[in-house]
Amino acid sequence: MSTKTGPQRYPGASRANWYQDDFGGDAMQVNVVVLHTTEGTSLPGYGGGSSAPNLTAVPDLGAKKLRWYQHFDVETSSRALVNLRGGVDTNTLNVCQVELVGTCDPKTHAKWKRSGSAHLYWPEAPEWALLGVARFLAWMHEEHGVPLSGPRTWPAYPSSYANGGGQRMSGAGWQAFEGVCGHMHVPENLHGDPGAIDFSRLLKLAKGDLDLGDDEERPAESRPRIPAFPGRKHFRAGAVGEHVLRLGKRLVERGFGDHYKVGPSRTWSEADRLNVRDFQKSRPELRGDADGHPGPLTWRLLFS
């Protein structure tokens, strides 16, 4: 069992429908977010929690915002994926799951529209809804290091059902995957949600929220080779690991190692923080938040 690190509750999310106390779950070091759609118009009951994700985003159409409900800690396994006995791990494979209330099915969308049932059709989601999801993805990247990347293929429902669009990952591909994907990409699962959600727009909004820019728009040969930001949790008091050592070595390479007495190590220290602060003060983009704790922008500028 892994040890959970970093913040486990998404800021502002309600715990009115909290299921972890009843269903437990395994602790994980999360590096994947899976997006689902509920195919309904309101917060599901999830069988009392037996099929619940980590979080649910409920569109408030009048206020034009998402209202978040958290059911399990970010780094506790939830229960919204099929997980066959003897197959690959799904719910328990470093995954945070998010259900988006609404539909990805054009027939359901047309039926609800005819009946006057207010709802959100995620393949044509308005900007405010995409921004709400993007801000969650940005938070997961900043706090837990989940890469802001994912599969290129997001086929429309119903062709996405049962791998009709050829989008489903193999077992080995799933085991190696890090980033953001849909229910339709997960092996052992037949579902086709969230269909043709505007994934490229989601990523662009998430990167914009973090002021990261979008390297996808640049030619591959001109993109800097920057290691993925591992998350703020790796640079707090008591943190030990290769990410701390990599950061320290890069600080020394860039001429910001004055506070080390014997050089960087795998253990986060006050010397690391002071060196990071010196680097932040050297950059106009970072001077207003020079606290010595690296976030995605500090990391990107340091390694670029």
C-alpha atoms as a PDB file:
ATOM      1  CA  MET A   1       0.000   0.000   0.000  1.00  0.00           C
ATOM      2  CA  SER A   2       1.343   3.433  -0.975  1.00  0.00           C
ATOM      3  CA  THR A   3       1.493   6.451   1.296  1.00  0.00           C
ATOM      4  CA  LYS A   4      -0.762   9.374   0.449  1.00  0.00           C
ATOM      5  CA  THR A   5       1.011  12.726   0.201  1.00  0.00           C
ATOM      6  CA  GLY A   6      -0.142  16.234  -0.554  1.00  0.00           C
ATOM      7  CA  PRO A   7      -3.668  17.662  -0.172  1.00  0.00           C
ATOM      8  CA  GLN A   8      -6.423  15.054  -0.404  1.00  0.00           C
ATOM      9  CA  ARG A   9      -9.474  17.349  -0.609  1.00  0.00           C
ATOM     10  CA  TYR A  10     -10.229  19.510  -3.611  1.00  0.00           C
ATOM     11  CA  PRO A  11     -10.783  23.072  -2.323  1.00  0.00           C
ATOM     12  CA  GLY A  12     -14.456  23.991  -2.191  1.00  0.00           C
ATOM     13  CA  ALA A  13     -15.753  20.446  -2.764  1.00  0.00           C
ATOM     14  CA  SER A  14     -18.686  19.379  -0.563  1.00  0.00           C
ATOM     15  CA  ARG A  15     -18.379  16.224   1.558  1.00  0.00           C
ATOM     16  CA  ALA A  16     -22.133  15.881   1.952  1.00  0.00           C
ATOM     17  CA  ASN A  17     -21.936  12.587   0.038  1.00  0.00           C
ATOM     18  CA  TRP A  18     -18.782  11.099   1.569  1.00  0.00           C
ATOM     19  CA  TYR A  19     -18.385   7.318   1.108  1.00  0.00           C
ATOM     20  CA  GLN A  20     -14.814   6.572   2.163  1.00  0.00           C
ATOM     21  CA  ASP A  21     -15.824   5.820   5.741  1.00  0.00           C
ATOM     22  CA  ASP A  22     -18.162   3.073   4.478  1.00  0.00           C
ATOM     23  CA  PHE A  23     -16.085   1.602   1.651  1.00  0.00           C
ATOM     24  CA  GLY A  24     -12.484   2.335   2.623  1.00  0.00           C
ATOM     25  CA  GLY A  25     -10.198   1.959  -0.374  1.00  0.00           C
ATOM     26  CA  ASP A  26      -6.491   1.581  -1.057  1.00  0.00           C
ATOM     27  CA  ALA A  27      -3.989   4.416  -0.677  1.00  0.00           C
ATOM     28  CA  MET A  28      -2.274   5.320  -3.968  1.00  0.00           C
ATOM     29  CA  GLN A  29       0.267   7.739  -5.417  1.00  0.00           C
ATOM     30  CA  VAL A  30      -2.048   9.184  -8.061  1.00  0.00           C
ATOM     31  CA  ASN A  31      -0.690   9.990 -11.530  1.00  0.00           C
ATOM     32  CA  VAL A  32      -3.882   9.512 -13.604  1.00  0.00           C
ATOM     33  CA  VAL A  33      -7.250  11.264 -13.771  1.00  0.00           C
ATOM     34  CA  VAL A  34     -10.129   9.385 -15.449  1.00  0.00           C
ATOM     35  CA  LEU A  35     -13.103  11.432 -16.687  1.00  0.00           C
ATOM     36  CA  HIS A  36     -16.600   9.882 -16.785  1.00  0.00           C
ATOM     37  CA  THR A  37     -20.042  11.226 -17.633  1.00  0.00           C
ATOM     38  CA  THR A  38     -22.965  10.169 -15.434  1.00  0.00           C
ATOM     39  CA  GLU A  39     -25.601  10.077 -18.225  1.00  0.00           C
ATOM     40  CA  GLY A  40     -27.973  11.814 -15.846  1.00  0.00           C
ATOM     41  CA  THR A  41     -28.972  15.341 -14.878  1.00  0.00           C
ATOM     42  CA  SER A  42     -28.294  15.384 -11.131  1.00  0.00           C
ATOM     43  CA  LEU A  43     -25.894  14.064  -8.525  1.00  0.00           C
ATOM     44  CA  PRO A  44     -26.166  10.225  -8.598  1.00  0.00           C
ATOM     45  CA  GLY A  45     -26.692   8.114  -5.504  1.00  0.00           C
ATOM     46  CA  TYR A  46     -24.015   5.643  -6.674  1.00  0.00           C
ATOM     47  CA  GLY A  47     -25.767   2.762  -4.915  1.00  0.00           C
ATOM     48  CA  GLY A  48     -24.979   4.316  -1.566  1.00  0.00           C
ATOM     49  CA  GLY A  49     -21.363   4.721  -2.621  1.00  0.00           C
ATOM     50  CA  SER A  50     -20.657   1.241  -3.972  1.00  0.00           C
ATOM     51  CA  SER A  51     -19.969   2.607  -7.477  1.00  0.00           C
ATOM     52  CA  ALA A  52     -18.815   6.125  -6.609  1.00  0.00           C
ATOM     53  CA  PRO A  53     -15.840   8.005  -8.066  1.00  0.00           C
ATOM     54  CA  ASN A  54     -13.500  10.243  -6.082  1.00  0.00           C
ATOM     55  CA  LEU A  55     -15.370  13.393  -7.109  1.00  0.00           C
ATOM     56  CA  THR A  56     -18.480  14.491  -9.002  1.00  0.00           C
ATOM     57  CA  ALA A  57     -18.874  17.790 -10.839  1.00  0.00           C
ATOM     58  CA  VAL A  58     -22.504  18.955 -11.013  1.00  0.00           C
ATOM     59  CA  PRO A  59     -23.249  21.792 -13.467  1.00  0.00           C
ATOM     60  CA  ASP A  60     -25.183  24.711 -12.008  1.00  0.00           C
ATOM     61  CA  LEU A  61     -26.640  25.927 -15.294  1.00  0.00           C
ATOM     62  CA  GLY A  62     -28.110  29.089 -13.825  1.00  0.00           C
ATOM     63  CA  ALA A  63     -24.915  30.199 -12.107  1.00  0.00           C
ATOM     64  CA  LYS A  64     -22.736  28.853 -14.943  1.00  0.00           C
ATOM     65  CA  LYS A  65     -20.353  26.997 -12.644  1.00  0.00           C
ATOM     66  CA  LEU A  66     -19.542  23.472 -11.518  1.00  0.00           C
ATOM     67  CA  ARG A  67     -20.397  22.412  -7.984  1.00  0.00           C
ATOM     68  CA  TRP A  68     -17.996  19.762  -6.732  1.00  0.00           C
ATOM     69  CA  TYR A  69     -18.739  16.832  -4.409  1.00  0.00           C
ATOM     70  CA  GLN A  70     -15.971  14.671  -3.000  1.00  0.00           C
ATOM     71  CA  HIS A  71     -16.632  11.030  -2.075  1.00  0.00           C
ATOM     72  CA  PHE A  72     -13.124   9.672  -1.480  1.00  0.00           C
ATOM     73  CA  ASP A  73      -9.715  11.242  -0.872  1.00  0.00           C
ATOM     74  CA  VAL A  74      -7.851  12.100  -4.068  1.00  0.00           C
ATOM     75  CA  GLU A  75      -5.343   9.324  -3.363  1.00  0.00           C
ATOM     76  CA  THR A  76      -7.793   6.660  -2.181  1.00  0.00           C
ATOM     77  CA  SER A  77      -9.113   4.146  -4.712  1.00  0.00           C
ATOM     78  CA  SER A  78     -12.745   4.707  -5.656  1.00  0.00           C
ATOM     79  CA  ARG A  79     -15.241   2.383  -7.345  1.00  0.00           C
ATOM     80  CA  ALA A  80     -16.493   3.663 -10.729  1.00  0.00           C
ATOM     81  CA  LEU A  81     -14.513   1.342 -13.039  1.00  0.00           C
ATOM     82  CA  VAL A  82     -15.002  -2.301 -13.928  1.00  0.00           C
ATOM     83  CA  ASN A  83     -12.126  -4.273 -12.396  1.00  0.00           C
ATOM     84  CA  LEU A  84     -12.149  -7.913 -13.506  1.00  0.00           C
ATOM     85  CA  ARG A  85     -10.683 -10.592 -11.304  1.00  0.00           C
ATOM     86  CA  GLY A  86      -7.368 -11.760 -12.711  1.00  0.00           C
ATOM     87  CA  GLY A  87      -7.089  -8.818 -15.092  1.00  0.00           C
ATOM     88  CA  VAL A  88      -5.266  -5.502 -14.835  1.00  0.00           C
ATOM     89  CA  ASP A  89      -5.860  -3.152 -11.921  1.00  0.00           C
ATOM     90  CA  THR A  90      -8.236  -0.319 -12.786  1.00  0.00           C
ATOM     91  CA  ASN A  91      -9.797   1.352  -9.730  1.00  0.00           C
ATOM     92  CA  THR A  92      -6.642   0.734  -7.710  1.00  0.00           C
ATOM     93  CA  LEU A  93      -4.025   1.741 -10.320  1.00  0.00           C
ATOM     94  CA  ASN A  94      -3.016   5.238  -9.155  1.00  0.00           C
ATOM     95  CA  VAL A  95      -6.270   6.688 -10.478  1.00  0.00           C
ATOM     96  CA  CYS A  96      -8.409   9.615  -9.352  1.00  0.00           C
ATOM     97  CA  GLN A  97     -11.856   9.348 -10.940  1.00  0.00           C
ATOM     98  CA  VAL A  98     -14.179  12.240 -11.764  1.00  0.00           C
ATOM     99  CA  GLU A  99     -17.812  11.952 -12.874  1.00  0.00           C
ATOM    100  CA  LEU A 100     -19.212  14.856 -14.899  1.00  0.00           C
ATOM    101  CA  VAL A 101     -22.984  15.124 -14.532  1.00  0.00           C
ATOM    102  CA  GLY A 102     -24.604  15.214 -17.964  1.00  0.00           C
ATOM    103  CA  THR A 103     -24.481  13.130 -21.122  1.00  0.00           C
ATOM    104  CA  CYS A 104     -22.133  12.317 -23.988  1.00  0.00           C
ATOM    105  CA  ASP A 105     -24.851  10.531 -25.993  1.00  0.00           C
ATOM    106  CA  PRO A 106     -26.318  12.615 -28.857  1.00  0.00           C
ATOM    107  CA  LYS A 107     -29.600  10.643 -28.736  1.00  0.00           C
ATOM    108  CA  THR A 108     -30.012  11.274 -25.024  1.00  0.00           C
ATOM    109  CA  HIS A 109     -29.143  14.921 -25.594  1.00  0.00           C
ATOM    110  CA  ALA A 110     -31.799  15.221 -28.316  1.00  0.00           C
ATOM    111  CA  LYS A 111     -34.421  13.481 -26.149  1.00  0.00           C
ATOM    112  CA  TRP A 112     -33.759  15.691 -23.129  1.00  0.00           C
ATOM    113  CA  LYS A 113     -33.760  18.769 -25.336  1.00  0.00           C
ATOM    114  CA  ARG A 114     -37.163  17.866 -26.789  1.00  0.00           C
ATOM    115  CA  SER A 115     -38.610  17.299 -23.338  1.00  0.00           C
ATOM    116  CA  GLY A 116     -37.214  20.555 -21.993  1.00  0.00           C
ATOM    117  CA  SER A 117     -34.978  18.810 -19.442  1.00  0.00           C
ATOM    118  CA  ALA A 118     -32.141  21.159 -18.549  1.00  0.00           C
ATOM    119  CA  HIS A 119     -28.828  19.386 -18.885  1.00  0.00           C
ATOM    120  CA  LEU A 120     -25.248  19.608 -20.093  1.00  0.00           C
ATOM    121  CA  TYR A 121     -24.138  17.829 -23.285  1.00  0.00           C
ATOM    122  CA  TRP A 122     -20.408  17.424 -22.727  1.00  0.00           C
ATOM    123  CA  PRO A 123     -19.265  17.193 -26.382  1.00  0.00           C
ATOM    124  CA  GLU A 124     -20.683  20.721 -26.765  1.00  0.00           C
ATOM    125  CA  ALA A 125     -19.916  21.923 -23.251  1.00  0.00           C
ATOM    126  CA  PRO A 126     -19.822  25.709 -22.786  1.00  0.00           C
ATOM    127  CA  GLU A 127     -16.552  27.402 -21.918  1.00  0.00           C
ATOM    128  CA  TRP A 128     -17.479  27.846 -18.236  1.00  0.00           C
ATOM    129  CA  ALA A 129     -17.971  24.102 -17.809  1.00  0.00           C
ATOM    130  CA  LEU A 130     -14.724  23.209 -19.547  1.00  0.00           C
ATOM    131  CA  LEU A 131     -12.937  25.807 -17.441  1.00  0.00           C
ATOM    132  CA  GLY A 132     -14.323  24.230 -14.269  1.00  0.00           C
ATOM    133  CA  VAL A 133     -12.902  20.844 -15.236  1.00  0.00           C
ATOM    134  CA  ALA A 134      -9.647  22.426 -16.426  1.00  0.00           C
ATOM    135  CA  ARG A 135      -9.104  24.128 -13.074  1.00  0.00           C
ATOM    136  CA  PHE A 136      -9.416  20.771 -11.336  1.00  0.00           C
ATOM    137  CA  LEU A 137      -6.874  19.252 -13.748  1.00  0.00           C
ATOM    138  CA  ALA A 138      -4.550  22.199 -13.130  1.00  0.00           C
ATOM    139  CA  TRP A 139      -4.845  21.604  -9.371  1.00  0.00           C
ATOM    140  CA  MET A 140      -4.088  17.905  -9.828  1.00  0.00           C
ATOM    141  CA  HIS A 141      -1.022  18.807 -11.876  1.00  0.00           C
ATOM    142  CA  GLU A 142       0.204  21.396  -9.404  1.00  0.00           C
ATOM    143  CA  GLU A 143      -0.415  19.399  -6.226  1.00  0.00           C
ATOM    144  CA  HIS A 144      -0.011  15.804  -7.405  1.00  0.00           C
ATOM    145  CA  GLY A 145       2.005  16.050 -10.602  1.00  0.00           C
ATOM    146  CA  VAL A 146      -0.600  14.485 -12.909  1.00  0.00           C
ATOM    147  CA  PRO A 147       0.657  15.288 -16.431  1.00  0.00           C
ATOM    148  CA  LEU A 148      -1.488  17.634 -18.506  1.00  0.00           C
ATOM    149  CA  SER A 149      -1.536  15.231 -21.431  1.00  0.00           C
ATOM    150  CA  GLY A 150      -3.512  12.217 -22.563  1.00  0.00           C
ATOM    151  CA  PRO A 151      -4.749  10.130 -25.489  1.00  0.00           C
ATOM    152  CA  ARG A 152      -5.098  11.856 -28.850  1.00  0.00           C
ATOM    153  CA  THR A 153      -8.217   9.848 -29.762  1.00  0.00           C
ATOM    154  CA  TRP A 154     -11.534  10.808 -28.108  1.00  0.00           C
ATOM    155  CA  PRO A 155     -14.173   9.310 -30.447  1.00  0.00           C
ATOM    156  CA  ALA A 156     -17.774  10.408 -30.243  1.00  0.00           C
ATOM    157  CA  TYR A 157     -20.368   8.238 -28.533  1.00  0.00           C
ATOM    158  CA  PRO A 158     -21.759   5.715 -29.505  1.00  0.00           C
ATOM    159  CA  SER A 159     -18.782   4.728 -31.682  1.00  0.00           C
ATOM    160  CA  SER A 160     -16.622   4.945 -28.545  1.00  0.00           C
ATOM    161  CA  TYR A 161     -18.652   2.197 -26.841  1.00  0.00           C
ATOM    162  CA  ALA A 162     -16.932  -1.206 -26.553  1.00  0.00           C
ATOM    163  CA  ASN A 163     -13.793   0.178 -28.222  1.00  0.00           C
ATOM    164  CA  GLY A 164     -15.624   0.933 -31.445  1.00  0.00           C
ATOM    165  CA  GLY A 165     -13.242   3.830 -32.047  1.00  0.00           C
ATOM    166  CA  GLY A 166     -10.135   1.759 -31.308  1.00  0.00           C
ATOM    167  CA  GLN A 167      -9.318   4.043 -28.394  1.00  0.00           C
ATOM    168  CA  ARG A 168      -9.111   1.501 -25.564  1.00  0.00           C
ATOM    169  CA  MET A 169      -5.660   1.011 -24.030  1.00  0.00           C
ATOM    170  CA  SER A 170      -4.010  -2.375 -23.831  1.00  0.00           C
ATOM    171  CA  GLY A 171      -3.227  -3.720 -20.384  1.00  0.00           C
ATOM    172  CA  ALA A 172       0.424  -2.782 -20.780  1.00  0.00           C
ATOM    173  CA  GLY A 173      -0.473   0.648 -22.143  1.00  0.00           C
ATOM    174  CA  TRP A 174      -2.742   1.296 -19.179  1.00  0.00           C
ATOM    175  CA  GLN A 175      -0.090   0.192 -16.696  1.00  0.00           C
ATOM    176  CA  ALA A 176       2.378   2.659 -18.227  1.00  0.00           C
ATOM    177  CA  PHE A 177      -0.064   5.551 -18.694  1.00  0.00           C
ATOM    178  CA  GLU A 178       0.190   8.828 -16.772  1.00  0.00           C
ATOM    179  CA  GLY A 179      -2.055  11.805 -17.464  1.00  0.00           C
ATOM    180  CA  VAL A 180      -5.749  12.394 -18.172  1.00  0.00           C
ATOM    181  CA  CYS A 181      -7.997   9.938 -20.015  1.00  0.00           C
ATOM    182  CA  GLY A 182     -11.644   8.950 -20.319  1.00  0.00           C
ATOM    183  CA  HIS A 183     -13.611   5.959 -19.089  1.00  0.00           C
ATOM    184  CA  MET A 184     -13.600   4.804 -22.707  1.00  0.00           C
ATOM    185  CA  HIS A 185      -9.792   4.441 -22.666  1.00  0.00           C
ATOM    186  CA  VAL A 186      -9.596   2.092 -19.667  1.00  0.00           C
ATOM    187  CA  PRO A 187      -9.147  -1.654 -20.349  1.00  0.00           C
ATOM    188  CA  GLU A 188     -11.812  -4.127 -19.122  1.00  0.00           C
ATOM    189  CA  ASN A 189     -14.443  -1.350 -19.437  1.00  0.00           C
ATOM    190  CA  LEU A 190     -17.018  -1.261 -22.258  1.00  0.00           C
ATOM    191  CA  HIS A 191     -18.382   2.225 -21.590  1.00  0.00           C
ATOM    192  CA  GLY A 192     -17.789   4.987 -24.142  1.00  0.00           C
ATOM    193  CA  ASP A 193     -17.954   8.081 -21.956  1.00  0.00           C
ATOM    194  CA  PRO A 194     -17.132  10.940 -21.974  1.00  0.00           C
ATOM    195  CA  GLY A 195     -17.227  10.722 -25.771  1.00  0.00           C
ATOM    196  CA  ALA A 196     -15.989  13.604 -27.891  1.00  0.00           C
ATOM    197  CA  ILE A 197     -15.335  16.059 -25.070  1.00  0.00           C
ATOM    198  CA  ASP A 198     -13.057  18.895 -26.242  1.00  0.00           C
ATOM    199  CA  PHE A 199      -9.923  17.462 -24.666  1.00  0.00           C
ATOM    200  CA  SER A 200      -7.482  19.785 -26.425  1.00  0.00           C
ATOM    201  CA  ARG A 201      -9.428  22.766 -25.099  1.00  0.00           C
ATOM    202  CA  LEU A 202      -9.423  21.300 -21.585  1.00  0.00           C
ATOM    203  CA  LEU A 203      -5.635  21.002 -21.662  1.00  0.00           C
ATOM    204  CA  LYS A 204      -5.183  24.491 -23.057  1.00  0.00           C
ATOM    205  CA  LEU A 205      -7.390  25.974 -20.343  1.00  0.00           C
ATOM    206  CA  ALA A 206      -5.592  23.995 -17.614  1.00  0.00           C
ATOM    207  CA  LYS A 207      -2.184  25.137 -18.832  1.00  0.00           C
ATOM    208  CA  GLY A 208      -3.454  28.680 -19.102  1.00  0.00           C
ATOM    209  CA  ASP A 209      -4.668  28.523 -15.506  1.00  0.00           C
ATOM    210  CA  LEU A 210      -1.104  27.642 -14.479  1.00  0.00           C
ATOM    211  CA  ASP A 211       0.502  30.098 -16.929  1.00  0.00           C
ATOM    212  CA  LEU A 212       2.335  27.215 -18.575  1.00  0.00           C
ATOM    213  CA  GLY A 213       1.662  28.015 -22.228  1.00  0.00           C
ATOM    214  CA  ASP A 214       1.036  25.253 -24.741  1.00  0.00           C
ATOM    215  CA  ASP A 215       4.093  23.515 -26.204  1.00  0.00           C
ATOM    216  CA  GLU A 216       1.804  21.438 -28.415  1.00  0.00           C
ATOM    217  CA  GLU A 217       1.512  24.467 -30.678  1.00  0.00           C
ATOM    218  CA  ARG A 218       5.269  24.569 -31.249  1.00  0.00           C
ATOM    219  CA  PRO A 219       7.210  22.321 -33.640  1.00  0.00           C
ATOM    220  CA  ALA A 220       8.443  19.208 -31.831  1.00  0.00           C
ATOM    221  CA  GLU A 221      12.082  19.957 -32.630  1.00  0.00           C
ATOM    222  CA  SER A 222      11.852  23.390 -30.980  1.00  0.00           C
ATOM    223  CA  ARG A 223      10.190  22.289 -27.746  1.00  0.00           C
ATOM    224  CA  PRO A 224      12.452  22.323 -24.694  1.00  0.00           C
ATOM    225  CA  ARG A 225      12.957  18.945 -23.065  1.00  0.00           C
ATOM    226  CA  ILE A 226      11.545  19.686 -19.645  1.00  0.00           C
ATOM    227  CA  PRO A 227      10.926  16.868 -17.153  1.00  0.00           C
ATOM    228  CA  ALA A 228       7.340  16.607 -15.989  1.00  0.00           C
ATOM    229  CA  PHE A 229       6.566  18.594 -12.853  1.00  0.00           C
ATOM    230  CA  PRO A 230       6.092  15.962 -10.112  1.00  0.00           C
ATOM    231  CA  GLY A 231       3.766  17.999  -7.870  1.00  0.00           C
ATOM    232  CA  ARG A 232       4.182  20.325  -4.900  1.00  0.00           C
ATOM    233  CA  LYS A 233       3.949  17.417  -2.468  1.00  0.00           C
ATOM    234  CA  HIS A 234       7.560  16.473  -3.294  1.00  0.00           C
ATOM    235  CA  PHE A 235       8.937  19.796  -2.069  1.00  0.00           C
ATOM    236  CA  ARG A 236       7.590  20.084   1.447  1.00  0.00           C
ATOM    237  CA  ALA A 237       9.194  19.616   4.856  1.00  0.00           C
ATOM    238  CA  GLY A 238      10.120  15.958   5.310  1.00  0.00           C
ATOM    239  CA  ALA A 239      10.039  15.124   1.576  1.00  0.00           C
ATOM    240  CA  VAL A 240      12.719  12.726   0.374  1.00  0.00           C
ATOM    241  CA  GLY A 241      13.279  11.508  -3.176  1.00  0.00           C
ATOM    242  CA  GLU A 242      14.879  11.814  -6.578  1.00  0.00           C
ATOM    243  CA  HIS A 243      12.764  14.858  -7.463  1.00  0.00           C
ATOM    244  CA  VAL A 244      14.411  16.869  -4.674  1.00  0.00           C
ATOM    245  CA  LEU A 245      17.876  15.826  -5.842  1.00  0.00           C
ATOM    246  CA  ARG A 246      17.067  16.641  -9.484  1.00  0.00           C
ATOM    247  CA  LEU A 247      15.818  20.080  -8.460  1.00  0.00           C
ATOM    248  CA  GLY A 248      18.943  20.734  -6.400  1.00  0.00           C
ATOM    249  CA  LYS A 249      21.303  19.708  -9.174  1.00  0.00           C
ATOM    250  CA  ARG A 250      19.487  21.965 -11.632  1.00  0.00           C
ATOM    251  CA  LEU A 251      19.685  24.888  -9.207  1.00  0.00           C
ATOM    252  CA  VAL A 252      23.449  24.406  -8.976  1.00  0.00           C
ATOM    253  CA  GLU A 253      23.717  24.188 -12.778  1.00  0.00           C
ATOM    254  CA  ARG A 254      21.857  27.484 -13.083  1.00  0.00           C
ATOM    255  CA  GLY A 255      24.057  29.164 -10.452  1.00  0.00           C
ATOM    256  CA  PHE A 256      21.594  29.119  -7.559  1.00  0.00           C
ATOM    257  CA  GLY A 257      23.292  26.769  -5.106  1.00  0.00           C
ATOM    258  CA  ASP A 258      24.822  29.282  -2.676  1.00  0.00           C
ATOM    259  CA  HIS A 259      22.862  28.017   0.338  1.00  0.00           C
ATOM    260  CA  TYR A 260      24.105  24.425   0.062  1.00  0.00           C
ATOM    261  CA  LYS A 261      26.956  23.566   2.422  1.00  0.00           C
ATOM    262  CA  VAL A 262      27.858  20.233   0.801  1.00  0.00           C
ATOM    263  CA  GLY A 263      25.647  20.225  -2.276  1.00  0.00           C
ATOM    264  CA  PRO A 264      22.095  19.036  -3.023  1.00  0.00           C
ATOM    265  CA  SER A 265      20.636  15.836  -1.592  1.00  0.00           C
ATOM    266  CA  ARG A 266      17.482  13.724  -1.774  1.00  0.00           C
ATOM    267  CA  THR A 267      16.050  15.404   1.362  1.00  0.00           C
ATOM    268  CA  TRP A 268      14.174  18.711   1.070  1.00  0.00           C
ATOM    269  CA  SER A 269      15.827  21.307   3.277  1.00  0.00           C
ATOM    270  CA  GLU A 270      15.801  25.000   4.082  1.00  0.00           C
ATOM    271  CA  ALA A 271      18.817  25.360   1.785  1.00  0.00           C
ATOM    272  CA  ASP A 272      16.704  24.031  -1.093  1.00  0.00           C
ATOM    273  CA  ARG A 273      13.948  26.500  -0.308  1.00  0.00           C
ATOM    274  CA  LEU A 274      16.341  29.456  -0.131  1.00  0.00           C
ATOM    275  CA  ASN A 275      17.985  28.500  -3.413  1.00  0.00           C
ATOM    276  CA  VAL A 276      14.598  28.180  -5.098  1.00  0.00           C
ATOM    277  CA  ARG A 277      13.641  31.577  -3.676  1.00  0.00           C
ATOM    278  CA  ASP A 278      16.801  33.125  -5.118  1.00  0.00           C
ATOM    279  CA  PHE A 279      15.921  31.699  -8.525  1.00  0.00           C
ATOM    280  CA  GLN A 280      12.334  32.957  -8.255  1.00  0.00           C
ATOM    281  CA  LYS A 281      13.575  36.445  -7.389  1.00  0.00           C
ATOM    282  CA  SER A 282      15.728  36.407 -10.526  1.00  0.00           C
ATOM    283  CA  ARG A 283      12.698  35.953 -12.786  1.00  0.00           C
ATOM    284  CA  PRO A 284      10.141  38.748 -13.300  1.00  0.00           C
ATOM    285  CA  GLU A 285       7.407  36.114 -13.800  1.00  0.00           C
ATOM    286  CA  LEU A 286       8.014  34.760 -10.279  1.00  0.00           C
ATOM    287  CA  ARG A 287       9.043  37.728  -8.149  1.00  0.00           C
ATOM    288  CA  GLY A 288       5.551  38.286  -6.835  1.00  0.00           C
ATOM    289  CA  ASP A 289       5.421  34.789  -5.369  1.00  0.00           C
ATOM    290  CA  ALA A 290       9.011  34.099  -4.368  1.00  0.00           C
ATOM    291  CA  ASP A 291       8.306  31.804  -1.425  1.00  0.00           C
ATOM    292  CA  GLY A 292      10.939  29.178  -2.260  1.00  0.00           C
ATOM    293  CA  HIS A 293       8.424  26.430  -3.006  1.00  0.00           C
ATOM    294  CA  PRO A 294       8.482  25.296  -6.647  1.00  0.00           C
ATOM    295  CA  GLY A 295       5.240  25.131  -8.597  1.00  0.00           C
ATOM    296  CA  PRO A 296       4.736  24.251 -12.264  1.00  0.00           C
ATOM    297  CA  LEU A 297       5.902  27.623 -13.584  1.00  0.00           C
ATOM    298  CA  THR A 298       9.021  27.744 -11.397  1.00  0.00           C
ATOM    299  CA  TRP A 299       9.859  24.187 -12.476  1.00  0.00           C
ATOM    300  CA  ARG A 300       9.323  24.964 -16.151  1.00  0.00           C
ATOM    301  CA  LEU A 301      11.460  28.100 -16.088  1.00  0.00           C
ATOM    302  CA  LEU A 302      14.211  26.421 -14.081  1.00  0.00           C
ATOM    303  CA  PHE A 303      14.526  23.497 -16.482  1.00  0.00           C
ATOM    304  CA  SER A 304      13.964  25.404 -19.745  1.00  0.00           C
END
